[in-house]
Protein backbone atom coordinates (compact mmCIF):
# COMPACT_ATOMS: atom_id res chain seq x y z
CA MET A 1 -30.00 -21.89 20.50
CA THR A 2 -29.18 -23.74 17.35
CA ASN A 3 -25.90 -23.63 15.55
CA THR A 4 -26.51 -22.25 12.05
CA GLN A 5 -22.90 -22.49 10.94
CA THR A 6 -21.91 -25.36 8.72
CA ALA A 7 -18.51 -26.89 8.22
CA PRO A 8 -16.65 -25.76 5.10
CA ARG A 9 -17.05 -28.14 2.21
CA ALA A 10 -14.04 -29.85 0.67
CA SER A 11 -14.66 -28.04 -2.62
CA ASP A 12 -14.45 -24.66 -0.82
CA LYS A 13 -11.11 -25.61 0.72
CA SER A 14 -9.87 -26.90 -2.62
CA SER A 15 -10.85 -23.67 -4.39
CA ALA A 16 -9.13 -21.56 -1.74
CA LEU A 17 -5.98 -23.66 -1.89
CA THR A 18 -5.92 -23.47 -5.69
CA ALA A 19 -6.24 -19.69 -5.55
CA VAL A 20 -3.44 -19.35 -2.98
CA VAL A 21 -1.09 -21.61 -4.95
CA PHE A 22 -1.85 -19.78 -8.21
CA LEU A 23 -1.23 -16.35 -6.67
CA ALA A 24 1.98 -17.52 -5.01
CA LEU A 25 3.28 -18.85 -8.33
CA LEU A 26 2.26 -15.64 -10.09
CA GLY A 27 4.12 -13.58 -7.49
CA VAL A 28 7.28 -15.68 -7.75
CA ALA A 29 7.17 -15.51 -11.55
CA THR A 30 6.74 -11.73 -11.45
CA LEU A 31 9.70 -11.31 -9.09
CA PHE A 32 11.83 -13.64 -11.20
CA VAL A 33 11.06 -11.83 -14.46
CA ALA A 34 11.50 -8.35 -12.97
CA GLY A 35 14.68 -9.26 -11.11
CA HIS A 36 16.39 -11.14 -13.92
CA ALA A 37 15.33 -9.10 -16.93
CA GLN A 38 18.12 -8.86 -19.51
CA SER A 39 16.38 -6.41 -21.80
CA ALA A 40 17.53 -2.90 -20.97
CA ALA A 41 14.05 -1.40 -21.27
CA LEU A 42 12.42 -4.10 -19.14
CA HIS A 43 15.18 -3.89 -16.55
CA ASP A 44 14.95 -0.10 -16.37
CA ALA A 45 11.17 -0.27 -15.95
CA ALA A 46 11.50 -2.86 -13.20
CA HIS A 47 14.25 -0.80 -11.57
CA ASP A 48 12.05 2.31 -11.56
CA VAL A 49 9.17 0.36 -10.01
CA ARG A 50 11.47 -0.98 -7.31
CA HIS A 51 12.52 2.57 -6.42
CA ALA A 52 8.93 3.86 -6.52
CA THR A 53 7.75 1.16 -4.11
CA GLY A 54 10.70 1.61 -1.75
CA PHE A 55 12.22 -1.81 -2.51
CA PRO A 56 15.98 -1.64 -1.99
CA CYS A 57 17.83 -2.77 -5.06
CA HIS A 58 21.37 -1.43 -4.61
């Protein structure tokens, strides 16, 4: 039997790492904006989403 699998290329690993870092930063930014919103409308919208998703907020 021959092994048909090849080792992942460095560019594949780099692309995956870039995607993970980007999504992590996007998630942190979203939490920061939603959690620290000073605008009443934005805060109320974020508050309603937290309740709808079951996230405890108070």
